[in-house]
Amino acid sequence: MTRRICDHNVTDYTPITDLVNLTFSGYTGGLYPDGNDIPAAHFANGMTHAEQIIPRNETGQADAHGKIGLLVLGYSTAAMTGRTFSEMIRYAGVDTALQVIIGAQGGQDLRAMIKPETTYWDSVDAAIQNKGLTREQVQIIWMSSGDIAAYTLPFTEQTQHGIDAYQQVLLRIRQLFPAVQIVFISDRPYAGFIGKNEQPGPKELAEPSGYYHSWTVKWLIEKQIQQVPGFTYAELPFIDWGPTLWTNGTFGDKRGYTWDCLDAGKGGIHATSKGRMKEAARLYNYFTKHPYTTQLFSTVSPSLK
C-alpha cells in the first residue's frame, strides 16, 4: 500500500508544554513563567471572575432565567471546532443557560478584527442576535486565531507582532462586551500538512508560524501576569490559556496528543470530521475540568476521548 505524502509528518519543534526547564531559541518553555501551572495570584483573579459568570438578562443583569454566552472567535478553524464543541455540550445535556455563539469567520485573522473598515464585529453581532442573545450576555470568549501578515518575520519579531494584534483585539472586546469575565486563548493547530495532502494550502499559515504562535499566546498571557503596562487586569479583560492545540504532528506530545493525515483536511489546515471531533473533545474536556468553568458543566457526561 502506498503511503500518503503527509504520513509521519513532524517538525524539529517541541510542544511548549513539553519544554518545562528546556528552551527554544534560548527561551524557556511551559505555559507560564515557571512551568505549566497557573501562578497563584493569576489563578485567584481568574476564580474571582469565574464567580461572576451567571445567567444574565438582555441588559446584563443577574437573572435566574437568563443566559450565559460563550463566544467563539478567530478564523475558520476555530469556527469548525466551535460548532462541533457546541454539538457535544448539547448532546451531553449541559444547562441550556449556556449558549455557544460562533463568531469566528473564515479568512479573518487578528488584523481583520481590528482594521478600521472591518465588518468582523457586525458578523459577530449577527451571530449573537441569531442565538437570541445580546452583547451584555456574552461572558466567556474562546479564541484561536493568528496574525497572517507576520509569517515572514523571524521568531521573536513574529511573536511580538502577534502580541500587539492581540492587545488591540482584547481592547475591542472590553469595549464591546461589558460582561465578559474570561477570555481563553488557544494556540493554533499543527500546520505541517499544509500543501502536502493534495491541496495547495495557504503558505502564510504553514510551519513554523503555527509553532511560533504558541509562544505568542504564552508571552501575551505572561504580560498580564506580570502586569506590564497596556496588558494589566485594569486595562484588558482577564486572559488565560484555553486548551493547547499545537502538537508535533504524528510524533505528538508527551500526553499522546497527535495530529495526522486523517486529522488534517483540505489544504492541510481545515480539519477533517475526525480532526474536528478531536479538537472539540479537547475543548470540551478542558472546559468541563477547568476550575474557572467546571461549574457550568455540572450535568455533563464523563470526559470524551
C-alpha atoms as a PDB file:
ATOM      1  CA  MET A   1       0.000   0.000   0.000  1.00  0.00           C
ATOM      2  CA  THR A   2       1.379   3.426  -0.967  1.00  0.00           C
ATOM      3  CA  ARG A   3       1.712   5.891   1.874  1.00  0.00           C
ATOM      4  CA  ARG A   4       0.119   9.276   1.532  1.00  0.00           C
ATOM      5  CA  ILE A   5       2.643  12.069   1.209  1.00  0.00           C
ATOM      6  CA  CYS A   6       1.723  13.557   4.599  1.00  0.00           C
ATOM      7  CA  ASP A   7       2.311  10.375   6.628  1.00  0.00           C
ATOM      8  CA  HIS A   8       4.798  10.645   9.504  1.00  0.00           C
ATOM      9  CA  ASN A   9       4.870  14.411   9.296  1.00  0.00           C
ATOM     10  CA  VAL A  10       6.825  16.071  12.123  1.00  0.00           C
ATOM     11  CA  THR A  11       8.945  19.160  12.765  1.00  0.00           C
ATOM     12  CA  ASP A  12      12.028  19.787  14.867  1.00  0.00           C
ATOM     13  CA  TYR A  13       9.921  21.736  17.365  1.00  0.00           C
ATOM     14  CA  THR A  14       8.882  20.583  20.832  1.00  0.00           C
ATOM     15  CA  PRO A  15       5.379  21.469  22.088  1.00  0.00           C
ATOM     16  CA  ILE A  16       5.581  24.319  24.549  1.00  0.00           C
ATOM     17  CA  THR A  17       4.073  22.214  27.344  1.00  0.00           C
ATOM     18  CA  ASP A  18       6.950  19.734  26.997  1.00  0.00           C
ATOM     19  CA  LEU A  19       9.596  22.452  27.287  1.00  0.00           C
ATOM     20  CA  VAL A  20       9.407  22.948  31.048  1.00  0.00           C
ATOM     21  CA  ASN A  21      13.029  23.546  32.160  1.00  0.00           C
ATOM     22  CA  LEU A  22      14.028  23.348  28.481  1.00  0.00           C
ATOM     23  CA  THR A  23      14.443  26.080  25.901  1.00  0.00           C
ATOM     24  CA  PHE A  24      13.684  27.035  22.328  1.00  0.00           C
ATOM     25  CA  SER A  25      15.960  29.683  20.789  1.00  0.00           C
ATOM     26  CA  GLY A  26      17.178  30.440  24.299  1.00  0.00           C
ATOM     27  CA  TYR A  27      13.698  30.919  25.797  1.00  0.00           C
ATOM     28  CA  THR A  28      12.306  28.641  28.499  1.00  0.00           C
ATOM     29  CA  GLY A  29       9.027  26.907  27.672  1.00  0.00           C
ATOM     30  CA  GLY A  30       5.995  25.970  29.716  1.00  0.00           C
ATOM     31  CA  LEU A  31       2.623  27.694  29.549  1.00  0.00           C
ATOM     32  CA  TYR A  32       3.545  30.178  32.271  1.00  0.00           C
ATOM     33  CA  PRO A  33       6.744  31.812  33.562  1.00  0.00           C
ATOM     34  CA  ASP A  34       7.532  28.939  35.934  1.00  0.00           C
ATOM     35  CA  GLY A  35       6.096  25.942  34.105  1.00  0.00           C
ATOM     36  CA  ASN A  36       2.634  24.650  33.218  1.00  0.00           C
ATOM     37  CA  ASP A  37       0.867  25.540  36.482  1.00  0.00           C
ATOM     38  CA  ILE A  38      -1.166  28.748  36.678  1.00  0.00           C
ATOM     39  CA  PRO A  39       0.559  31.214  39.025  1.00  0.00           C
ATOM     40  CA  ALA A  40      -1.385  31.512  42.290  1.00  0.00           C
ATOM     41  CA  ALA A  41      -2.232  35.214  42.040  1.00  0.00           C
ATOM     42  CA  HIS A  42      -3.395  34.898  38.426  1.00  0.00           C
ATOM     43  CA  PHE A  43      -5.474  31.839  39.318  1.00  0.00           C
ATOM     44  CA  ALA A  44      -7.113  33.664  42.218  1.00  0.00           C
ATOM     45  CA  ASN A  45      -8.002  36.526  39.910  1.00  0.00           C
ATOM     46  CA  GLY A  46      -9.452  34.071  37.414  1.00  0.00           C
ATOM     47  CA  MET A  47     -11.591  32.417  40.073  1.00  0.00           C
ATOM     48  CA  THR A  48     -12.946  35.814  41.119  1.00  0.00           C
ATOM     49  CA  HIS A  49     -14.037  36.402  37.535  1.00  0.00           C
ATOM     50  CA  ALA A  50     -15.439  32.865  37.282  1.00  0.00           C
ATOM     51  CA  GLU A  51     -17.765  33.582  40.206  1.00  0.00           C
ATOM     52  CA  GLN A  52     -19.318  36.389  38.142  1.00  0.00           C
ATOM     53  CA  ILE A  53     -20.292  34.051  35.287  1.00  0.00           C
ATOM     54  CA  ILE A  54     -24.008  33.719  35.959  1.00  0.00           C
ATOM     55  CA  PRO A  55     -27.227  33.796  33.911  1.00  0.00           C
ATOM     56  CA  ARG A  56     -27.957  37.357  32.829  1.00  0.00           C
ATOM     57  CA  ASN A  57     -30.856  39.016  31.045  1.00  0.00           C
ATOM     58  CA  GLU A  58     -30.662  41.103  27.890  1.00  0.00           C
ATOM     59  CA  THR A  59     -29.379  44.145  29.772  1.00  0.00           C
ATOM     60  CA  GLY A  60     -26.679  42.165  31.579  1.00  0.00           C
ATOM     61  CA  GLN A  61     -28.419  41.996  34.942  1.00  0.00           C
ATOM     62  CA  ALA A  62     -28.377  38.800  37.000  1.00  0.00           C
ATOM     63  CA  ASP A  63     -31.426  36.725  36.141  1.00  0.00           C
ATOM     64  CA  ALA A  64     -32.086  33.099  37.082  1.00  0.00           C
ATOM     65  CA  HIS A  65     -33.846  32.695  33.732  1.00  0.00           C
ATOM     66  CA  GLY A  66     -31.134  34.467  31.758  1.00  0.00           C
ATOM     67  CA  LYS A  67     -28.317  33.201  29.530  1.00  0.00           C
ATOM     68  CA  ILE A  68     -24.551  32.774  29.603  1.00  0.00           C
ATOM     69  CA  GLY A  69     -22.987  33.463  26.220  1.00  0.00           C
ATOM     70  CA  LEU A  70     -19.771  31.640  25.272  1.00  0.00           C
ATOM     71  CA  LEU A  71     -18.452  33.366  22.159  1.00  0.00           C
ATOM     72  CA  VAL A  72     -16.027  31.625  19.792  1.00  0.00           C
ATOM     73  CA  LEU A  73     -13.664  33.997  17.957  1.00  0.00           C
ATOM     74  CA  GLY A  74     -10.899  33.506  15.424  1.00  0.00           C
ATOM     75  CA  TYR A  75     -10.936  32.267  11.877  1.00  0.00           C
ATOM     76  CA  SER A  76     -12.406  29.219  10.145  1.00  0.00           C
ATOM     77  CA  THR A  77     -10.596  26.521  12.137  1.00  0.00           C
ATOM     78  CA  ALA A  78     -11.993  27.965  15.381  1.00  0.00           C
ATOM     79  CA  ALA A  79     -15.472  28.140  13.849  1.00  0.00           C
ATOM     80  CA  MET A  80     -15.325  24.479  12.799  1.00  0.00           C
ATOM     81  CA  THR A  81     -14.108  23.304  16.202  1.00  0.00           C
ATOM     82  CA  GLY A  82     -16.603  25.560  17.981  1.00  0.00           C
ATOM     83  CA  ARG A  83     -19.577  24.136  16.095  1.00  0.00           C
ATOM     84  CA  THR A  84     -18.599  20.572  16.945  1.00  0.00           C
ATOM     85  CA  PHE A  85     -17.989  21.578  20.570  1.00  0.00           C
ATOM     86  CA  SER A  86     -21.464  23.152  20.679  1.00  0.00           C
ATOM     87  CA  GLU A  87     -22.990  19.896  19.429  1.00  0.00           C
ATOM     88  CA  MET A  88     -21.076  17.951  22.083  1.00  0.00           C
ATOM     89  CA  ILE A  89     -22.338  20.004  25.006  1.00  0.00           C
ATOM     90  CA  ARG A  90     -25.892  19.934  23.683  1.00  0.00           C
ATOM     91  CA  TYR A  91     -25.698  16.128  23.422  1.00  0.00           C
ATOM     92  CA  ALA A  92     -24.245  15.944  26.949  1.00  0.00           C
ATOM     93  CA  GLY A  93     -27.217  17.816  28.381  1.00  0.00           C
ATOM     94  CA  VAL A  94     -25.448  20.955  29.584  1.00  0.00           C
ATOM     95  CA  ASP A  95     -27.743  23.521  31.215  1.00  0.00           C
ATOM     96  CA  THR A  96     -29.469  25.448  28.430  1.00  0.00           C
ATOM     97  CA  ALA A  97     -28.447  28.727  30.085  1.00  0.00           C
ATOM     98  CA  LEU A  98     -25.048  28.210  28.425  1.00  0.00           C
ATOM     99  CA  GLN A  99     -25.198  29.197  24.764  1.00  0.00           C
ATOM    100  CA  VAL A 100     -22.270  28.794  22.343  1.00  0.00           C
ATOM    101  CA  ILE A 101     -22.085  31.537  19.715  1.00  0.00           C
ATOM    102  CA  ILE A 102     -19.899  31.037  16.656  1.00  0.00           C
ATOM    103  CA  GLY A 103     -18.418  34.424  15.847  1.00  0.00           C
ATOM    104  CA  ALA A 104     -15.262  33.065  14.196  1.00  0.00           C
ATOM    105  CA  GLN A 105     -15.052  33.680  10.440  1.00  0.00           C
ATOM    106  CA  GLY A 106     -13.138  32.164   7.556  1.00  0.00           C
ATOM    107  CA  GLY A 107     -10.017  34.031   6.482  1.00  0.00           C
ATOM    108  CA  GLN A 108     -10.425  36.677   9.186  1.00  0.00           C
ATOM    109  CA  ASP A 109      -7.322  36.818  11.391  1.00  0.00           C
ATOM    110  CA  LEU A 110      -6.402  39.133  14.273  1.00  0.00           C
ATOM    111  CA  ARG A 111      -5.649  42.043  11.953  1.00  0.00           C
ATOM    112  CA  ALA A 112      -9.028  41.651  10.253  1.00  0.00           C
ATOM    113  CA  MET A 113     -10.617  42.043  13.693  1.00  0.00           C
ATOM    114  CA  ILE A 114      -9.020  45.450  14.313  1.00  0.00           C
ATOM    115  CA  LYS A 115      -8.656  47.220  10.975  1.00  0.00           C
ATOM    116  CA  PRO A 116     -10.759  50.424  10.805  1.00  0.00           C
ATOM    117  CA  GLU A 117     -13.001  49.225   7.974  1.00  0.00           C
ATOM    118  CA  THR A 118     -13.644  45.795   9.494  1.00  0.00           C
ATOM    119  CA  THR A 119     -17.060  44.156   9.256  1.00  0.00           C
ATOM    120  CA  TYR A 120     -15.915  41.346  11.558  1.00  0.00           C
ATOM    121  CA  TRP A 121     -17.867  42.593  14.550  1.00  0.00           C
ATOM    122  CA  ASP A 122     -21.008  43.164  12.507  1.00  0.00           C
ATOM    123  CA  SER A 123     -20.971  39.454  11.703  1.00  0.00           C
ATOM    124  CA  VAL A 124     -20.344  38.663  15.371  1.00  0.00           C
ATOM    125  CA  ASP A 125     -23.349  40.799  16.326  1.00  0.00           C
ATOM    126  CA  ALA A 126     -25.485  38.922  13.802  1.00  0.00           C
ATOM    127  CA  ALA A 127     -24.397  35.576  15.277  1.00  0.00           C
ATOM    128  CA  ILE A 128     -25.249  36.789  18.786  1.00  0.00           C
ATOM    129  CA  GLN A 129     -28.667  38.002  17.662  1.00  0.00           C
ATOM    130  CA  ASN A 130     -29.366  34.737  15.841  1.00  0.00           C
ATOM    131  CA  LYS A 131     -28.911  32.985  19.183  1.00  0.00           C
ATOM    132  CA  GLY A 132     -31.417  35.342  20.773  1.00  0.00           C
ATOM    133  CA  LEU A 133     -28.743  36.932  22.955  1.00  0.00           C
ATOM    134  CA  THR A 134     -27.206  40.375  23.387  1.00  0.00           C
ATOM    135  CA  ARG A 135     -23.637  41.563  23.835  1.00  0.00           C
ATOM    136  CA  GLU A 136     -24.387  42.053  27.543  1.00  0.00           C
ATOM    137  CA  GLN A 137     -24.909  38.301  27.957  1.00  0.00           C
ATOM    138  CA  VAL A 138     -21.525  37.301  26.490  1.00  0.00           C
ATOM    139  CA  GLN A 139     -19.355  36.360  29.479  1.00  0.00           C
ATOM    140  CA  ILE A 140     -16.812  33.848  28.169  1.00  0.00           C
ATOM    141  CA  ILE A 141     -14.756  34.011  24.989  1.00  0.00           C
ATOM    142  CA  TRP A 142     -12.626  31.296  23.422  1.00  0.00           C
ATOM    143  CA  MET A 143     -10.199  32.388  20.711  1.00  0.00           C
ATOM    144  CA  SER A 144      -7.893  30.570  18.332  1.00  0.00           C
ATOM    145  CA  SER A 145      -6.500  32.874  15.672  1.00  0.00           C
ATOM    146  CA  GLY A 146      -3.254  34.207  14.246  1.00  0.00           C
ATOM    147  CA  ASP A 147      -1.512  37.128  12.606  1.00  0.00           C
ATOM    148  CA  ILE A 148      -1.191  36.087   8.984  1.00  0.00           C
ATOM    149  CA  ALA A 149       0.774  39.105   7.773  1.00  0.00           C
ATOM    150  CA  ALA A 150       3.649  38.350  10.154  1.00  0.00           C
ATOM    151  CA  TYR A 151       4.530  34.924   8.731  1.00  0.00           C
ATOM    152  CA  THR A 152       7.768  36.035   7.056  1.00  0.00           C
ATOM    153  CA  LEU A 153       9.193  37.660  10.204  1.00  0.00           C
ATOM    154  CA  PRO A 154      11.823  35.995  12.415  1.00  0.00           C
ATOM    155  CA  PHE A 155      10.686  34.201  15.574  1.00  0.00           C
ATOM    156  CA  THR A 156      10.719  36.973  18.197  1.00  0.00           C
ATOM    157  CA  GLU A 157       9.523  39.639  15.771  1.00  0.00           C
ATOM    158  CA  GLN A 158       6.673  37.426  14.617  1.00  0.00           C
ATOM    159  CA  THR A 159       5.528  36.743  18.172  1.00  0.00           C
ATOM    160  CA  GLN A 160       5.694  40.424  19.136  1.00  0.00           C
ATOM    161  CA  HIS A 161       3.682  41.338  16.039  1.00  0.00           C
ATOM    162  CA  GLY A 162       1.019  38.881  17.189  1.00  0.00           C
ATOM    163  CA  ILE A 163       1.055  40.156  20.780  1.00  0.00           C
ATOM    164  CA  ASP A 164       0.453  43.701  19.550  1.00  0.00           C
ATOM    165  CA  ALA A 165      -2.507  42.487  17.473  1.00  0.00           C
ATOM    166  CA  TYR A 166      -3.967  40.528  20.398  1.00  0.00           C
ATOM    167  CA  GLN A 167      -3.716  43.593  22.603  1.00  0.00           C
ATOM    168  CA  GLN A 168      -5.822  45.591  20.152  1.00  0.00           C
ATOM    169  CA  VAL A 169      -8.382  42.805  19.807  1.00  0.00           C
ATOM    170  CA  LEU A 170      -8.673  42.491  23.586  1.00  0.00           C
ATOM    171  CA  LEU A 171      -9.213  46.239  23.913  1.00  0.00           C
ATOM    172  CA  ARG A 172     -12.029  45.932  21.368  1.00  0.00           C
ATOM    173  CA  ILE A 173     -13.512  43.006  23.312  1.00  0.00           C
ATOM    174  CA  ARG A 174     -13.529  45.040  26.523  1.00  0.00           C
ATOM    175  CA  GLN A 175     -15.325  47.836  24.702  1.00  0.00           C
ATOM    176  CA  LEU A 176     -17.942  45.634  23.022  1.00  0.00           C
ATOM    177  CA  PHE A 177     -18.713  43.073  25.722  1.00  0.00           C
ATOM    178  CA  PRO A 178     -19.021  44.700  29.160  1.00  0.00           C
ATOM    179  CA  ALA A 179     -19.946  41.445  30.938  1.00  0.00           C
ATOM    180  CA  VAL A 180     -17.005  39.379  29.662  1.00  0.00           C
ATOM    181  CA  GLN A 181     -15.209  37.740  32.570  1.00  0.00           C
ATOM    182  CA  ILE A 182     -12.623  35.449  30.958  1.00  0.00           C
ATOM    183  CA  VAL A 183     -11.035  35.260  27.517  1.00  0.00           C
ATOM    184  CA  PHE A 184      -9.472  31.851  26.889  1.00  0.00           C
ATOM    185  CA  ILE A 185      -6.822  31.864  24.161  1.00  0.00           C
ATOM    186  CA  SER A 186      -5.584  28.724  22.418  1.00  0.00           C
ATOM    187  CA  ASP A 187      -2.646  28.416  20.085  1.00  0.00           C
ATOM    188  CA  ARG A 188      -3.120  27.152  16.534  1.00  0.00           C
ATOM    189  CA  PRO A 189      -3.332  23.540  15.364  1.00  0.00           C
ATOM    190  CA  TYR A 190      -0.290  21.875  13.825  1.00  0.00           C
ATOM    191  CA  ALA A 191       0.261  23.180  10.285  1.00  0.00           C
ATOM    192  CA  GLY A 192       2.891  20.820   8.921  1.00  0.00           C
ATOM    193  CA  PHE A 193       0.477  19.259   6.431  1.00  0.00           C
ATOM    194  CA  ILE A 194      -0.259  22.490   4.587  1.00  0.00           C
ATOM    195  CA  GLY A 195       0.209  21.915   0.881  1.00  0.00           C
ATOM    196  CA  LYS A 196       1.018  18.229   1.347  1.00  0.00           C
ATOM    197  CA  ASN A 197      -2.346  16.478   1.177  1.00  0.00           C
ATOM    198  CA  GLU A 198      -3.132  17.028  -2.477  1.00  0.00           C
ATOM    199  CA  GLN A 199      -4.320  20.580  -1.920  1.00  0.00           C
ATOM    200  CA  PRO A 200      -2.313  23.843  -2.185  1.00  0.00           C
ATOM    201  CA  GLY A 201      -2.651  25.091   1.364  1.00  0.00           C
ATOM    202  CA  PRO A 202      -2.004  28.686   2.494  1.00  0.00           C
ATOM    203  CA  LYS A 203       1.750  29.152   2.967  1.00  0.00           C
ATOM    204  CA  GLU A 204       1.048  32.063   5.336  1.00  0.00           C
ATOM    205  CA  LEU A 205      -0.244  29.578   7.918  1.00  0.00           C
ATOM    206  CA  ALA A 206       2.411  26.898   7.424  1.00  0.00           C
ATOM    207  CA  GLU A 207       5.090  25.970   9.924  1.00  0.00           C
ATOM    208  CA  PRO A 208       6.947  27.425  11.686  1.00  0.00           C
ATOM    209  CA  SER A 209       4.319  30.165  12.130  1.00  0.00           C
ATOM    210  CA  GLY A 210       1.951  27.631  13.708  1.00  0.00           C
ATOM    211  CA  TYR A 211       4.534  26.746  16.336  1.00  0.00           C
ATOM    212  CA  TYR A 212       5.597  30.341  16.873  1.00  0.00           C
ATOM    213  CA  HIS A 213       2.013  31.213  17.702  1.00  0.00           C
ATOM    214  CA  SER A 214       2.202  29.065  20.853  1.00  0.00           C
ATOM    215  CA  TRP A 215       4.896  31.451  22.069  1.00  0.00           C
ATOM    216  CA  THR A 216       2.775  34.447  21.120  1.00  0.00           C
ATOM    217  CA  VAL A 217      -0.012  33.217  23.405  1.00  0.00           C
ATOM    218  CA  LYS A 218       2.441  32.320  26.183  1.00  0.00           C
ATOM    219  CA  TRP A 219       4.107  35.722  26.210  1.00  0.00           C
ATOM    220  CA  LEU A 220       0.806  37.582  25.846  1.00  0.00           C
ATOM    221  CA  ILE A 221      -0.577  35.927  28.979  1.00  0.00           C
ATOM    222  CA  GLU A 222       2.718  36.437  30.805  1.00  0.00           C
ATOM    223  CA  LYS A 223       2.461  40.171  30.159  1.00  0.00           C
ATOM    224  CA  GLN A 224      -0.823  40.229  32.046  1.00  0.00           C
ATOM    225  CA  ILE A 225       0.537  38.021  34.831  1.00  0.00           C
ATOM    226  CA  GLN A 226       3.467  40.425  35.216  1.00  0.00           C
ATOM    227  CA  GLN A 227       1.127  43.439  34.967  1.00  0.00           C
ATOM    228  CA  VAL A 228       3.032  45.038  32.112  1.00  0.00           C
ATOM    229  CA  PRO A 229       1.508  48.446  31.287  1.00  0.00           C
ATOM    230  CA  GLY A 230      -1.004  48.050  28.483  1.00  0.00           C
ATOM    231  CA  PHE A 231      -1.789  44.456  29.477  1.00  0.00           C
ATOM    232  CA  THR A 232      -2.889  44.795  33.104  1.00  0.00           C
ATOM    233  CA  TYR A 233      -6.098  43.472  34.642  1.00  0.00           C
ATOM    234  CA  ALA A 234      -7.374  47.043  34.706  1.00  0.00           C
ATOM    235  CA  GLU A 235      -6.753  47.602  31.004  1.00  0.00           C
ATOM    236  CA  LEU A 236      -7.631  44.296  29.318  1.00  0.00           C
ATOM    237  CA  PRO A 237     -10.125  41.526  30.039  1.00  0.00           C
ATOM    238  CA  PHE A 238      -8.772  38.692  32.172  1.00  0.00           C
ATOM    239  CA  ILE A 239      -6.975  36.249  29.855  1.00  0.00           C
ATOM    240  CA  ASP A 240      -5.674  32.717  30.266  1.00  0.00           C
ATOM    241  CA  TRP A 241      -4.835  29.657  28.230  1.00  0.00           C
ATOM    242  CA  GLY A 242      -7.500  27.637  26.515  1.00  0.00           C
ATOM    243  CA  PRO A 243      -6.604  24.071  25.508  1.00  0.00           C
ATOM    244  CA  THR A 244      -3.297  23.830  23.659  1.00  0.00           C
ATOM    245  CA  LEU A 245      -3.879  22.730  20.058  1.00  0.00           C
ATOM    246  CA  TRP A 246      -0.370  22.674  18.584  1.00  0.00           C
ATOM    247  CA  THR A 247       1.344  19.321  18.768  1.00  0.00           C
ATOM    248  CA  ASN A 248       4.267  17.911  16.809  1.00  0.00           C
ATOM    249  CA  GLY A 249       2.345  16.164  14.028  1.00  0.00           C
ATOM    250  CA  THR A 250       2.364  12.390  14.132  1.00  0.00           C
ATOM    251  CA  PHE A 251       5.006  12.390  16.886  1.00  0.00           C
ATOM    252  CA  GLY A 252       2.717  14.370  19.166  1.00  0.00           C
ATOM    253  CA  ASP A 253       3.437  15.495  22.700  1.00  0.00           C
ATOM    254  CA  LYS A 254       4.194  13.753  25.997  1.00  0.00           C
ATOM    255  CA  ARG A 255       0.491  13.298  26.717  1.00  0.00           C
ATOM    256  CA  GLY A 256      -0.041  11.424  23.460  1.00  0.00           C
ATOM    257  CA  TYR A 257      -1.894  14.124  21.531  1.00  0.00           C
ATOM    258  CA  THR A 258      -1.054  13.764  17.840  1.00  0.00           C
ATOM    259  CA  TRP A 259      -2.174  15.271  14.526  1.00  0.00           C
ATOM    260  CA  ASP A 260      -2.001  13.010  11.489  1.00  0.00           C
ATOM    261  CA  CYS A 261      -3.147  12.718   7.879  1.00  0.00           C
ATOM    262  CA  LEU A 262      -6.655  11.694   8.852  1.00  0.00           C
ATOM    263  CA  ASP A 263      -6.976  14.815  11.032  1.00  0.00           C
ATOM    264  CA  ALA A 264      -5.654  17.341   8.507  1.00  0.00           C
ATOM    265  CA  GLY A 265      -8.169  18.146   5.822  1.00  0.00           C
ATOM    266  CA  LYS A 266      -8.331  20.387   2.757  1.00  0.00           C
ATOM    267  CA  GLY A 267      -5.078  22.239   2.207  1.00  0.00           C
ATOM    268  CA  GLY A 268      -3.730  20.760   5.425  1.00  0.00           C
ATOM    269  CA  ILE A 269      -5.403  23.473   7.510  1.00  0.00           C
ATOM    270  CA  HIS A 270      -9.170  22.757   7.640  1.00  0.00           C
ATOM    271  CA  ALA A 271      -9.594  19.689   9.800  1.00  0.00           C
ATOM    272  CA  THR A 272     -11.497  16.637   8.627  1.00  0.00           C
ATOM    273  CA  SER A 273     -14.551  15.487  10.584  1.00  0.00           C
ATOM    274  CA  LYS A 274     -12.182  13.287  12.621  1.00  0.00           C
ATOM    275  CA  GLY A 275      -9.892  16.238  13.300  1.00  0.00           C
ATOM    276  CA  ARG A 276     -12.801  18.478  14.281  1.00  0.00           C
ATOM    277  CA  MET A 277     -14.055  15.863  16.729  1.00  0.00           C
ATOM    278  CA  LYS A 278     -10.554  15.535  18.151  1.00  0.00           C
ATOM    279  CA  GLU A 279     -10.148  19.267  18.735  1.00  0.00           C
ATOM    280  CA  ALA A 280     -13.684  19.745  20.000  1.00  0.00           C
ATOM    281  CA  ALA A 281     -13.198  16.915  22.511  1.00  0.00           C
ATOM    282  CA  ARG A 282     -10.068  18.722  23.679  1.00  0.00           C
ATOM    283  CA  LEU A 283     -12.095  21.895  24.177  1.00  0.00           C
ATOM    284  CA  TYR A 284     -14.925  20.005  25.882  1.00  0.00           C
ATOM    285  CA  ASN A 285     -12.605  18.237  28.313  1.00  0.00           C
ATOM    286  CA  TYR A 286     -10.795  21.473  29.072  1.00  0.00           C
ATOM    287  CA  PHE A 287     -13.895  23.446  29.964  1.00  0.00           C
ATOM    288  CA  THR A 288     -15.543  20.647  31.911  1.00  0.00           C
ATOM    289  CA  LYS A 289     -12.428  20.209  34.085  1.00  0.00           C
ATOM    290  CA  HIS A 290     -11.053  23.739  34.421  1.00  0.00           C
ATOM    291  CA  PRO A 291     -11.830  25.348  37.810  1.00  0.00           C
ATOM    292  CA  TYR A 292     -12.889  28.543  36.046  1.00  0.00           C
ATOM    293  CA  THR A 293     -15.713  26.823  34.156  1.00  0.00           C
ATOM    294  CA  THR A 294     -16.431  23.405  35.637  1.00  0.00           C
ATOM    295  CA  GLN A 295     -19.497  24.764  37.475  1.00  0.00           C
ATOM    296  CA  LEU A 296     -21.111  25.490  34.112  1.00  0.00           C
ATOM    297  CA  PHE A 297     -20.919  21.826  33.081  1.00  0.00           C
ATOM    298  CA  SER A 298     -22.195  20.084  36.206  1.00  0.00           C
ATOM    299  CA  THR A 299     -24.674  17.950  34.263  1.00  0.00           C
ATOM    300  CA  VAL A 300     -22.317  16.693  31.568  1.00  0.00           C
ATOM    301  CA  SER A 301     -21.232  13.177  30.683  1.00  0.00           C
ATOM    302  CA  PRO A 302     -17.745  11.861  31.524  1.00  0.00           C
ATOM    303  CA  SER A 303     -14.751  13.162  29.585  1.00  0.00           C
ATOM    304  CA  LEU A 304     -14.613  12.432  25.888  1.00  0.00           C
ATOM    305  CA  LYS A 305     -11.749  10.516  24.339  1.00  0.00           C
END
